[in-house]
N, C-alpha and C. Protein backbone atom coordinates (compact mmCIF):
# COMPACT_ATOMS: atom_id res chain seq x y z
N MET A 1 118.64 115.13 103.76
CA MET A 1 118.88 114.78 102.37
C MET A 1 118.32 113.40 102.11
N ARG A 2 117.66 113.20 100.96
CA ARG A 2 117.05 111.94 100.63
C ARG A 2 118.04 111.03 99.91
N THR A 3 118.05 109.76 100.30
CA THR A 3 118.93 108.79 99.66
C THR A 3 118.11 107.59 99.25
N ILE A 4 118.73 106.66 98.55
CA ILE A 4 118.02 105.50 98.04
C ILE A 4 118.08 104.37 99.06
N VAL A 5 116.99 103.57 99.11
CA VAL A 5 116.88 102.50 100.08
C VAL A 5 117.93 101.42 99.82
N THR A 6 118.40 100.83 100.90
CA THR A 6 119.30 99.67 100.81
C THR A 6 118.69 98.53 101.58
N SER A 7 119.13 97.32 101.32
CA SER A 7 118.61 96.15 102.00
C SER A 7 119.03 96.16 103.46
N MET A 8 118.23 95.51 104.30
CA MET A 8 118.57 95.41 105.71
C MET A 8 119.79 94.53 105.94
N GLU A 9 120.23 93.81 104.88
CA GLU A 9 121.48 93.06 105.03
C GLU A 9 122.65 94.02 105.19
N ASN A 10 122.50 95.23 104.64
CA ASN A 10 123.50 96.28 104.83
C ASN A 10 122.78 97.53 105.33
N PRO A 11 122.29 97.51 106.56
CA PRO A 11 121.46 98.61 107.07
C PRO A 11 122.22 99.93 107.10
N PRO A 12 121.49 101.05 106.90
CA PRO A 12 122.13 102.36 106.92
C PRO A 12 122.67 102.68 108.30
N GLN A 13 123.73 103.46 108.34
CA GLN A 13 124.30 103.87 109.61
C GLN A 13 123.44 104.96 110.24
N ARG A 14 123.24 104.86 111.52
CA ARG A 14 122.41 105.83 112.21
C ARG A 14 123.19 107.10 112.49
N ARG A 15 122.54 108.23 112.19
CA ARG A 15 123.10 109.52 112.56
C ARG A 15 122.36 110.00 113.79
N ASP A 16 123.02 109.97 114.90
CA ASP A 16 122.36 110.30 116.16
C ASP A 16 121.84 111.72 116.15
N SER A 17 120.61 111.87 116.62
CA SER A 17 120.01 113.17 116.80
C SER A 17 119.94 113.47 118.28
N PRO A 18 119.58 114.69 118.67
CA PRO A 18 119.51 115.01 120.10
C PRO A 18 118.52 114.15 120.87
N THR A 19 117.58 113.52 120.15
CA THR A 19 116.57 112.71 120.83
C THR A 19 116.80 111.21 120.68
N SER A 20 117.93 110.81 120.08
CA SER A 20 118.16 109.40 119.79
C SER A 20 118.18 108.52 121.03
N HIS A 21 118.60 109.09 122.15
CA HIS A 21 118.73 108.29 123.37
C HIS A 21 117.41 108.11 124.11
N LEU A 22 116.38 108.84 123.71
CA LEU A 22 115.10 108.78 124.43
C LEU A 22 114.37 107.47 124.16
N ARG A 23 113.60 107.05 125.15
CA ARG A 23 112.81 105.84 124.98
C ARG A 23 111.70 106.07 123.98
N ALA A 24 111.48 105.10 123.08
CA ALA A 24 110.46 105.23 122.04
C ALA A 24 109.06 105.03 122.63
N SER A 25 108.12 105.81 122.15
CA SER A 25 106.73 105.71 122.59
C SER A 25 105.91 105.00 121.51
N ASP A 26 104.66 104.66 121.84
CA ASP A 26 103.79 104.03 120.86
C ASP A 26 103.53 104.95 119.68
N SER A 27 103.41 106.24 119.92
CA SER A 27 103.19 107.18 118.83
C SER A 27 104.41 107.25 117.90
N ASN A 28 105.62 107.13 118.47
CA ASN A 28 106.84 107.08 117.65
C ASN A 28 106.81 105.86 116.72
N ARG A 29 106.42 104.72 117.28
CA ARG A 29 106.37 103.49 116.48
C ARG A 29 105.30 103.58 115.41
N ASP A 30 104.14 104.17 115.75
CA ASP A 30 103.07 104.32 114.76
C ASP A 30 103.53 105.18 113.59
N GLN A 31 104.28 106.25 113.89
CA GLN A 31 104.74 107.14 112.83
C GLN A 31 105.72 106.42 111.91
N VAL A 32 106.64 105.66 112.49
CA VAL A 32 107.60 104.91 111.67
C VAL A 32 106.89 103.83 110.86
N ALA A 33 105.89 103.17 111.45
CA ALA A 33 105.12 102.16 110.72
C ALA A 33 104.44 102.78 109.50
N ALA A 34 103.96 104.03 109.67
CA ALA A 34 103.32 104.73 108.54
C ALA A 34 104.34 105.00 107.44
N LEU A 35 105.55 105.41 107.80
CA LEU A 35 106.58 105.69 106.82
C LEU A 35 107.02 104.43 106.09
N LEU A 36 107.12 103.33 106.82
CA LEU A 36 107.50 102.06 106.19
C LEU A 36 106.41 101.61 105.21
N GLY A 37 105.15 101.82 105.61
CA GLY A 37 104.05 101.46 104.72
C GLY A 37 104.07 102.29 103.45
N GLU A 38 104.41 103.57 103.58
CA GLU A 38 104.52 104.44 102.41
C GLU A 38 105.65 103.97 101.49
N ALA A 39 106.79 103.58 102.09
CA ALA A 39 107.92 103.11 101.30
C ALA A 39 107.58 101.81 100.58
N LEU A 40 106.79 100.95 101.22
CA LEU A 40 106.36 99.71 100.57
C LEU A 40 105.45 100.00 99.39
N SER A 41 104.52 100.93 99.57
CA SER A 41 103.56 101.24 98.51
C SER A 41 104.21 101.92 97.32
N THR A 42 105.35 102.59 97.52
CA THR A 42 106.03 103.28 96.42
C THR A 42 107.15 102.44 95.81
N GLY A 43 107.34 101.22 96.29
CA GLY A 43 108.32 100.33 95.71
C GLY A 43 109.73 100.48 96.24
N GLN A 44 109.94 101.30 97.27
CA GLN A 44 111.28 101.45 97.83
C GLN A 44 111.69 100.24 98.66
N LEU A 45 110.70 99.57 99.22
CA LEU A 45 110.97 98.36 100.02
C LEU A 45 110.24 97.18 99.39
N SER A 46 110.91 96.03 99.38
CA SER A 46 110.24 94.80 98.99
C SER A 46 109.42 94.31 100.19
N HIS A 47 108.53 93.34 99.95
CA HIS A 47 107.74 92.81 101.06
C HIS A 47 108.64 92.18 102.13
N GLU A 48 109.73 91.55 101.70
CA GLU A 48 110.66 90.93 102.66
C GLU A 48 111.36 92.00 103.50
N GLU A 49 111.83 93.07 102.84
CA GLU A 49 112.50 94.15 103.58
C GLU A 49 111.53 94.84 104.52
N TYR A 50 110.30 95.02 104.04
CA TYR A 50 109.27 95.65 104.87
C TYR A 50 109.01 94.83 106.13
N SER A 51 108.89 93.50 105.97
CA SER A 51 108.65 92.63 107.12
C SER A 51 109.81 92.66 108.10
N GLU A 52 111.05 92.68 107.57
CA GLU A 52 112.24 92.72 108.43
C GLU A 52 112.25 94.00 109.27
N ARG A 53 111.97 95.12 108.61
CA ARG A 53 112.00 96.40 109.34
C ARG A 53 110.83 96.50 110.32
N LEU A 54 109.70 95.91 109.96
CA LEU A 54 108.56 95.94 110.86
C LEU A 54 108.86 95.13 112.12
N ASP A 55 109.54 94.00 111.96
CA ASP A 55 109.94 93.21 113.14
C ASP A 55 110.88 94.03 114.02
N SER A 56 111.83 94.73 113.39
CA SER A 56 112.77 95.57 114.15
C SER A 56 112.05 96.72 114.83
N LEU A 57 110.99 97.22 114.18
CA LEU A 57 110.23 98.34 114.72
C LEU A 57 109.67 98.00 116.10
N TYR A 58 109.04 96.84 116.22
CA TYR A 58 108.39 96.49 117.48
C TYR A 58 109.37 95.99 118.54
N GLN A 59 110.65 95.81 118.14
CA GLN A 59 111.68 95.45 119.11
C GLN A 59 112.49 96.66 119.56
N ALA A 60 112.33 97.77 118.86
CA ALA A 60 113.11 98.98 119.16
C ALA A 60 112.71 99.56 120.52
N LYS A 61 113.71 100.03 121.24
CA LYS A 61 113.46 100.60 122.56
C LYS A 61 113.73 102.11 122.61
N THR A 62 114.53 102.62 121.68
CA THR A 62 114.86 104.05 121.70
C THR A 62 114.48 104.70 120.37
N VAL A 63 114.41 106.02 120.39
CA VAL A 63 114.11 106.79 119.18
C VAL A 63 115.19 106.57 118.13
N GLY A 64 116.45 106.46 118.57
CA GLY A 64 117.55 106.24 117.64
C GLY A 64 117.41 104.93 116.87
N GLU A 65 116.93 103.89 117.55
CA GLU A 65 116.74 102.61 116.88
C GLU A 65 115.62 102.69 115.85
N LEU A 66 114.66 103.57 116.08
CA LEU A 66 113.59 103.77 115.10
C LEU A 66 114.08 104.60 113.91
N GLU A 67 114.94 105.59 114.18
CA GLU A 67 115.41 106.48 113.12
C GLU A 67 116.16 105.73 112.03
N VAL A 68 116.91 104.70 112.41
CA VAL A 68 117.72 103.97 111.43
C VAL A 68 116.83 103.20 110.45
N LEU A 69 115.59 102.92 110.82
CA LEU A 69 114.70 102.15 109.97
C LEU A 69 114.18 102.95 108.78
N THR A 70 114.21 104.28 108.87
CA THR A 70 113.70 105.12 107.77
C THR A 70 114.74 106.07 107.23
N HIS A 71 115.99 105.97 107.74
CA HIS A 71 117.03 106.93 107.37
C HIS A 71 117.29 106.98 105.87
N ASP A 72 117.18 105.82 105.19
CA ASP A 72 117.52 105.75 103.77
C ASP A 72 116.30 105.78 102.85
N LEU A 73 115.14 106.17 103.38
CA LEU A 73 113.91 106.16 102.58
C LEU A 73 113.53 107.55 102.10
N GLN A 74 112.96 107.61 100.91
CA GLN A 74 112.46 108.86 100.35
C GLN A 74 111.00 109.01 100.75
N VAL A 75 110.76 109.47 101.94
CA VAL A 75 109.41 109.63 102.46
C VAL A 75 109.32 110.95 103.21
N GLU A 76 108.11 111.44 103.31
CA GLU A 76 107.89 112.65 104.10
C GLU A 76 107.99 112.31 105.57
N ARG A 77 108.70 113.14 106.30
CA ARG A 77 108.92 112.84 107.72
C ARG A 77 107.70 113.15 108.58
N GLN A 78 106.76 113.90 108.04
CA GLN A 78 105.54 114.14 108.78
C GLN A 78 104.54 113.06 108.42
N ARG A 79 103.82 112.58 109.40
CA ARG A 79 102.84 111.55 109.14
C ARG A 79 101.78 112.09 108.19
N PRO A 80 101.49 111.43 107.05
CA PRO A 80 100.62 111.99 106.05
C PRO A 80 99.17 112.15 106.49
N ALA A 81 98.66 111.25 107.26
CA ALA A 81 97.26 111.34 107.67
C ALA A 81 97.03 110.43 108.85
N ALA A 82 95.95 110.69 109.56
CA ALA A 82 95.62 109.85 110.70
C ALA A 82 95.15 108.49 110.22
N SER A 83 95.59 107.45 110.89
CA SER A 83 95.20 106.12 110.51
C SER A 83 93.72 105.91 110.77
N PRO A 84 93.01 105.13 109.91
CA PRO A 84 91.60 104.88 110.14
C PRO A 84 91.36 103.96 111.32
N VAL A 85 92.41 103.39 111.89
CA VAL A 85 92.28 102.52 113.04
C VAL A 85 93.29 102.95 114.09
N SER A 86 93.19 102.37 115.27
CA SER A 86 94.13 102.69 116.33
C SER A 86 94.85 101.42 116.77
N TYR A 87 96.05 101.63 117.35
CA TYR A 87 96.86 100.52 117.81
C TYR A 87 96.86 100.50 119.33
N ALA A 88 96.78 99.29 119.87
CA ALA A 88 96.73 99.12 121.32
C ALA A 88 98.11 98.79 121.85
N PRO A 89 98.51 99.41 122.98
CA PRO A 89 99.80 99.09 123.58
C PRO A 89 99.75 97.74 124.31
N ASN A 90 100.92 97.27 124.73
CA ASN A 90 101.03 96.05 125.53
C ASN A 90 100.41 94.85 124.82
N ALA A 91 100.93 94.54 123.63
CA ALA A 91 100.39 93.46 122.83
C ALA A 91 100.55 92.12 123.55
N SER A 92 99.56 91.25 123.39
CA SER A 92 99.58 89.93 124.00
C SER A 92 100.25 88.94 123.06
N THR A 93 100.95 87.96 123.63
CA THR A 93 101.60 86.93 122.82
C THR A 93 100.69 85.71 122.64
N GLU A 94 99.59 85.65 123.38
CA GLU A 94 98.68 84.52 123.30
C GLU A 94 97.58 84.81 122.29
N PRO A 95 97.18 83.79 121.50
CA PRO A 95 96.10 83.99 120.54
C PRO A 95 94.75 84.14 121.24
N ASP A 96 93.82 84.79 120.58
CA ASP A 96 92.46 84.94 121.08
C ASP A 96 91.62 83.82 120.48
N ASN A 97 91.12 82.92 121.31
CA ASN A 97 90.35 81.76 120.85
C ASN A 97 88.87 81.99 121.05
N ILE A 98 88.09 81.84 119.97
CA ILE A 98 86.65 82.07 120.01
C ILE A 98 85.95 80.84 119.46
N ILE A 99 84.96 80.33 120.19
CA ILE A 99 84.24 79.11 119.80
C ILE A 99 82.74 79.37 119.80
N ALA A 100 82.10 78.98 118.71
CA ALA A 100 80.64 79.09 118.60
C ALA A 100 80.10 77.76 118.09
N VAL A 101 79.56 76.95 118.99
CA VAL A 101 79.01 75.64 118.64
C VAL A 101 77.51 75.66 118.94
N PHE A 102 76.71 75.52 117.89
CA PHE A 102 75.25 75.63 118.03
C PHE A 102 74.88 76.95 118.72
N GLY A 103 75.63 77.97 118.41
CA GLY A 103 75.38 79.28 119.00
C GLY A 103 76.13 80.35 118.22
N GLY A 104 76.35 81.47 118.88
CA GLY A 104 77.02 82.56 118.19
C GLY A 104 78.00 83.30 119.07
N ALA A 105 78.91 84.02 118.44
CA ALA A 105 79.88 84.87 119.14
C ALA A 105 79.99 86.17 118.37
N ASP A 106 79.98 87.27 119.10
CA ASP A 106 79.97 88.59 118.46
C ASP A 106 81.02 89.47 119.12
N ARG A 107 81.94 90.02 118.32
CA ARG A 107 82.94 90.96 118.82
C ARG A 107 82.71 92.29 118.10
N ARG A 108 82.46 93.34 118.87
CA ARG A 108 82.23 94.64 118.28
C ARG A 108 82.56 95.72 119.29
N GLY A 109 82.54 96.95 118.82
CA GLY A 109 82.88 98.07 119.70
C GLY A 109 84.38 98.21 119.86
N ARG A 110 84.80 98.68 121.04
CA ARG A 110 86.21 98.96 121.31
C ARG A 110 86.89 97.72 121.87
N TRP A 111 87.11 96.72 121.04
CA TRP A 111 87.78 95.51 121.51
C TRP A 111 89.17 95.42 120.89
N ARG A 112 90.01 94.59 121.48
CA ARG A 112 91.40 94.47 121.05
C ARG A 112 91.57 93.28 120.11
N VAL A 113 92.11 93.54 118.94
CA VAL A 113 92.41 92.48 117.98
C VAL A 113 93.86 92.06 118.19
N ARG A 114 94.06 90.86 118.65
CA ARG A 114 95.41 90.38 118.93
C ARG A 114 96.13 90.02 117.63
N ARG A 115 97.42 89.74 117.77
CA ARG A 115 98.21 89.35 116.59
C ARG A 115 97.62 88.11 115.93
N GLN A 116 97.06 87.20 116.74
CA GLN A 116 96.42 86.00 116.22
C GLN A 116 95.06 85.82 116.87
N THR A 117 94.04 85.60 116.04
CA THR A 117 92.70 85.30 116.51
C THR A 117 92.26 84.02 115.82
N LYS A 118 91.78 83.05 116.61
CA LYS A 118 91.35 81.77 116.07
C LYS A 118 89.89 81.55 116.45
N ALA A 119 89.04 81.34 115.43
CA ALA A 119 87.61 81.17 115.66
C ALA A 119 87.13 79.86 115.05
N LEU A 120 86.23 79.18 115.76
CA LEU A 120 85.63 77.95 115.28
C LEU A 120 84.12 78.10 115.37
N ALA A 121 83.44 77.90 114.24
CA ALA A 121 81.98 77.98 114.19
C ALA A 121 81.45 76.65 113.66
N VAL A 122 80.79 75.89 114.54
CA VAL A 122 80.21 74.61 114.18
C VAL A 122 78.70 74.69 114.39
N PHE A 123 77.93 74.66 113.30
CA PHE A 123 76.49 74.87 113.38
C PHE A 123 76.18 76.15 114.15
N GLY A 124 77.02 77.12 113.96
CA GLY A 124 76.85 78.41 114.63
C GLY A 124 77.49 79.51 113.80
N GLY A 125 77.61 80.69 114.38
CA GLY A 125 78.17 81.79 113.63
C GLY A 125 78.98 82.75 114.49
N VAL A 126 79.93 83.41 113.87
CA VAL A 126 80.73 84.42 114.55
C VAL A 126 80.68 85.70 113.72
N ARG A 127 80.79 86.82 114.41
CA ARG A 127 80.77 88.12 113.74
C ARG A 127 81.83 89.00 114.37
N PHE A 128 82.74 89.49 113.52
CA PHE A 128 83.80 90.38 113.96
C PHE A 128 83.58 91.76 113.32
N ASP A 129 83.38 92.75 114.15
CA ASP A 129 83.28 94.14 113.67
C ASP A 129 84.56 94.85 114.10
N LEU A 130 85.44 95.15 113.13
CA LEU A 130 86.74 95.74 113.43
C LEU A 130 86.76 97.25 113.28
N THR A 131 85.63 97.86 112.99
CA THR A 131 85.63 99.29 112.66
C THR A 131 85.97 100.18 113.85
N GLU A 132 85.75 99.70 115.07
CA GLU A 132 86.11 100.49 116.26
C GLU A 132 87.16 99.78 117.11
N ALA A 133 87.75 98.73 116.56
CA ALA A 133 88.68 97.91 117.34
C ALA A 133 90.06 98.55 117.41
N GLU A 134 90.83 98.12 118.41
CA GLU A 134 92.24 98.50 118.54
C GLU A 134 93.08 97.30 118.13
N PHE A 135 94.03 97.53 117.23
CA PHE A 135 94.88 96.45 116.73
C PHE A 135 96.18 96.41 117.54
N GLU A 136 96.57 95.21 117.94
CA GLU A 136 97.79 95.06 118.74
C GLU A 136 99.05 94.98 117.88
N ALA A 137 98.90 94.92 116.57
CA ALA A 137 100.06 94.83 115.70
C ALA A 137 99.71 95.40 114.33
N LYS A 138 100.76 95.74 113.59
CA LYS A 138 100.57 96.24 112.23
C LYS A 138 99.97 95.17 111.33
N GLU A 139 100.32 93.91 111.56
CA GLU A 139 99.75 92.79 110.81
C GLU A 139 99.12 91.81 111.77
N VAL A 140 97.84 91.51 111.57
CA VAL A 140 97.13 90.56 112.42
C VAL A 140 96.61 89.41 111.56
N GLU A 141 96.45 88.27 112.18
CA GLU A 141 96.01 87.06 111.48
C GLU A 141 94.74 86.54 112.14
N ILE A 142 93.69 86.37 111.33
CA ILE A 142 92.41 85.85 111.82
C ILE A 142 92.14 84.54 111.10
N THR A 143 92.08 83.45 111.86
CA THR A 143 91.81 82.13 111.30
C THR A 143 90.40 81.72 111.68
N ILE A 144 89.57 81.46 110.67
CA ILE A 144 88.17 81.09 110.91
C ILE A 144 87.90 79.75 110.25
N ASN A 145 87.52 78.77 111.05
CA ASN A 145 87.08 77.48 110.55
C ASN A 145 85.57 77.39 110.76
N ALA A 146 84.82 77.43 109.64
CA ALA A 146 83.36 77.39 109.69
C ALA A 146 82.88 76.06 109.13
N ILE A 147 82.34 75.22 110.00
CA ILE A 147 81.86 73.89 109.63
C ILE A 147 80.35 73.85 109.83
N PHE A 148 79.62 73.82 108.73
CA PHE A 148 78.17 73.95 108.79
C PHE A 148 77.80 75.21 109.57
N GLY A 149 78.62 76.22 109.42
CA GLY A 149 78.39 77.49 110.10
C GLY A 149 78.87 78.63 109.24
N GLY A 150 78.94 79.80 109.83
CA GLY A 150 79.35 80.96 109.05
C GLY A 150 79.99 82.04 109.89
N ALA A 151 80.59 82.99 109.19
CA ALA A 151 81.25 84.10 109.87
C ALA A 151 81.14 85.35 109.00
N GLU A 152 81.05 86.49 109.66
CA GLU A 152 81.03 87.77 108.97
C GLU A 152 82.10 88.67 109.59
N ILE A 153 82.86 89.33 108.73
CA ILE A 153 83.91 90.25 109.18
C ILE A 153 83.61 91.62 108.60
N ILE A 154 83.49 92.62 109.47
CA ILE A 154 83.27 93.99 109.05
C ILE A 154 84.57 94.75 109.28
N LEU A 155 85.12 95.31 108.21
CA LEU A 155 86.45 95.93 108.26
C LEU A 155 86.36 97.43 108.04
N PRO A 156 87.24 98.20 108.70
CA PRO A 156 87.30 99.64 108.42
C PRO A 156 87.94 99.89 107.06
N GLU A 157 87.44 100.86 106.34
CA GLU A 157 88.00 101.18 105.03
C GLU A 157 89.47 101.58 105.17
N GLY A 158 90.27 101.13 104.21
CA GLY A 158 91.69 101.49 104.21
C GLY A 158 92.61 100.37 104.60
N VAL A 159 92.12 99.36 105.36
CA VAL A 159 92.99 98.26 105.76
C VAL A 159 93.28 97.37 104.56
N GLU A 160 94.45 96.75 104.57
CA GLU A 160 94.80 95.79 103.52
C GLU A 160 94.38 94.41 103.98
N VAL A 161 93.65 93.70 103.12
CA VAL A 161 93.16 92.37 103.45
C VAL A 161 93.81 91.34 102.54
N ARG A 162 94.31 90.28 103.14
CA ARG A 162 94.86 89.15 102.39
C ARG A 162 94.07 87.91 102.78
N CYS A 163 93.18 87.50 101.89
CA CYS A 163 92.33 86.35 102.18
C CYS A 163 92.98 85.08 101.66
N GLN A 164 93.28 84.15 102.55
CA GLN A 164 93.90 82.88 102.20
C GLN A 164 93.02 81.70 102.60
N GLY A 165 91.74 81.97 102.83
CA GLY A 165 90.82 80.93 103.25
C GLY A 165 90.47 79.98 102.12
N VAL A 166 90.10 78.74 102.49
CA VAL A 166 89.75 77.69 101.53
C VAL A 166 88.31 77.25 101.77
N GLY A 167 87.55 77.11 100.68
CA GLY A 167 86.18 76.65 100.79
C GLY A 167 85.99 75.26 100.21
N VAL A 168 85.33 74.37 100.98
CA VAL A 168 84.98 73.02 100.51
C VAL A 168 83.48 72.88 100.68
N PHE A 169 82.75 72.88 99.57
CA PHE A 169 81.29 72.96 99.62
C PHE A 169 80.86 74.18 100.43
N GLY A 170 81.68 75.19 100.33
CA GLY A 170 81.43 76.46 101.00
C GLY A 170 82.33 77.49 100.37
N GLY A 171 82.53 78.61 101.02
CA GLY A 171 83.41 79.60 100.40
C GLY A 171 83.76 80.77 101.28
N TYR A 172 84.80 81.49 100.82
CA TYR A 172 85.25 82.73 101.44
C TYR A 172 84.96 83.88 100.48
N ASP A 173 84.12 84.79 100.91
CA ASP A 173 83.77 85.96 100.09
C ASP A 173 84.31 87.20 100.78
N VAL A 174 85.63 87.35 100.75
CA VAL A 174 86.32 88.46 101.40
C VAL A 174 87.24 89.11 100.37
N HIS A 175 87.09 90.40 100.18
CA HIS A 175 87.88 91.11 99.17
C HIS A 175 88.66 92.25 99.80
N ASN A 176 89.65 92.73 99.06
CA ASN A 176 90.48 93.83 99.54
C ASN A 176 89.72 95.14 99.44
N SER A 177 90.17 96.11 100.22
CA SER A 177 89.60 97.45 100.15
C SER A 177 90.05 98.11 98.85
N PRO A 178 89.18 98.90 98.20
CA PRO A 178 89.59 99.58 96.97
C PRO A 178 90.66 100.65 97.20
N ASP A 179 90.72 101.23 98.39
CA ASP A 179 91.69 102.28 98.70
C ASP A 179 92.44 101.89 99.96
N VAL A 180 93.64 101.34 99.78
CA VAL A 180 94.44 100.87 100.92
C VAL A 180 95.24 102.03 101.48
N ASP A 181 95.14 102.23 102.80
CA ASP A 181 95.92 103.24 103.50
C ASP A 181 97.20 102.59 104.02
N PRO A 182 98.37 103.08 103.60
CA PRO A 182 99.62 102.44 104.05
C PRO A 182 99.84 102.52 105.55
N THR A 183 99.14 103.42 106.26
CA THR A 183 99.31 103.51 107.70
C THR A 183 98.42 102.52 108.44
N ALA A 184 97.47 101.91 107.73
CA ALA A 184 96.52 101.00 108.36
C ALA A 184 97.11 99.61 108.45
N PRO A 185 96.55 98.77 109.32
CA PRO A 185 97.09 97.42 109.48
C PRO A 185 96.75 96.50 108.31
N VAL A 186 97.43 95.36 108.30
CA VAL A 186 97.17 94.31 107.33
C VAL A 186 96.42 93.19 108.05
N VAL A 187 95.29 92.77 107.49
CA VAL A 187 94.49 91.71 108.09
C VAL A 187 94.60 90.47 107.19
N VAL A 188 95.22 89.42 107.71
CA VAL A 188 95.36 88.16 106.99
C VAL A 188 94.28 87.22 107.48
N ILE A 189 93.43 86.76 106.56
CA ILE A 189 92.30 85.90 106.92
C ILE A 189 92.57 84.50 106.38
N LYS A 190 92.56 83.52 107.28
CA LYS A 190 92.83 82.13 106.91
C LYS A 190 91.71 81.23 107.42
N GLY A 191 91.81 79.96 107.04
CA GLY A 191 90.87 78.99 107.58
C GLY A 191 90.18 78.16 106.52
N LEU A 192 89.18 77.37 106.98
CA LEU A 192 88.44 76.45 106.13
C LEU A 192 86.95 76.68 106.31
N ALA A 193 86.24 76.77 105.18
CA ALA A 193 84.78 76.85 105.20
C ALA A 193 84.25 75.55 104.62
N LEU A 194 83.80 74.66 105.49
CA LEU A 194 83.29 73.34 105.09
C LEU A 194 81.77 73.34 105.25
N PHE A 195 81.06 73.31 104.12
CA PHE A 195 79.61 73.44 104.15
C PHE A 195 79.21 74.70 104.93
N GLY A 196 80.02 75.71 104.78
CA GLY A 196 79.77 76.98 105.47
C GLY A 196 80.34 78.12 104.66
N GLY A 197 80.31 79.30 105.23
CA GLY A 197 80.81 80.45 104.48
C GLY A 197 81.34 81.55 105.38
N VAL A 198 82.30 82.30 104.84
CA VAL A 198 82.88 83.45 105.52
C VAL A 198 82.79 84.64 104.57
N SER A 199 82.20 85.72 105.04
CA SER A 199 82.05 86.91 104.20
C SER A 199 82.67 88.11 104.88
N GLY A 200 83.06 89.08 104.06
CA GLY A 200 83.65 90.31 104.60
C GLY A 200 83.15 91.52 103.85
N ARG A 201 83.03 92.62 104.54
CA ARG A 201 82.62 93.88 103.92
C ARG A 201 83.28 95.04 104.65
N PHE A 202 83.31 96.19 103.98
CA PHE A 202 83.95 97.37 104.53
C PHE A 202 82.91 98.40 104.94
N ARG A 203 83.24 99.13 106.02
CA ARG A 203 82.36 100.18 106.49
C ARG A 203 83.18 101.30 107.10
N ARG A 204 82.82 102.52 106.78
CA ARG A 204 83.50 103.67 107.37
C ARG A 204 83.07 103.85 108.81
N ARG A 205 83.94 104.41 109.60
CA ARG A 205 83.62 104.61 111.02
C ARG A 205 82.44 105.53 111.20
N ARG A 206 82.34 106.56 110.37
CA ARG A 206 81.26 107.53 110.57
C ARG A 206 79.88 106.93 110.28
N ASP A 207 79.87 105.75 109.56
CA ASP A 207 78.59 105.10 109.30
C ASP A 207 77.97 104.51 110.56
N ARG A 208 78.79 104.38 111.60
CA ARG A 208 78.29 103.83 112.85
C ARG A 208 77.39 104.82 113.56
């Protein structure tokens, strides 16, 4: 039976199912992340509630702990569609540091995008191709400081992009995808472009 969402300050009571005691798998977490994304897109969850439940999602150890996160949501219990990206298990807590000074750095293919990526381009350039990458979290943060340099980010269609970069005698030319998939990750782009520039574009996987 479908009920109306309540705040996590008064979380819904869990109704144990025969599988509640089982250890949660990565596919279980991905499915719940998709449902939470759907609830956010339909207005059932605020951004604050969504973030709270997402934090609880990655801390959950059993199926029962995951079930309580969507118990009060009006969402389809079957995953609506395959995500345009994949998630990598065993997320790292350390940021990925990339430096390009009078040179370049290129990340493409099947590489892992950590929760935090920090890049510095000084009289050089960096290029991130995320279309075949594995994301270690539902929300990842990429900080790019381009000083007399530049950076290009190629994103898979469907991801939500939040560009918070600042340009000083330079600029950030990164826009959101026209069709955001609620099951896809959120990419937060930060940093400073000083006499440099950061650009972003979208590409479908099949274009590769």
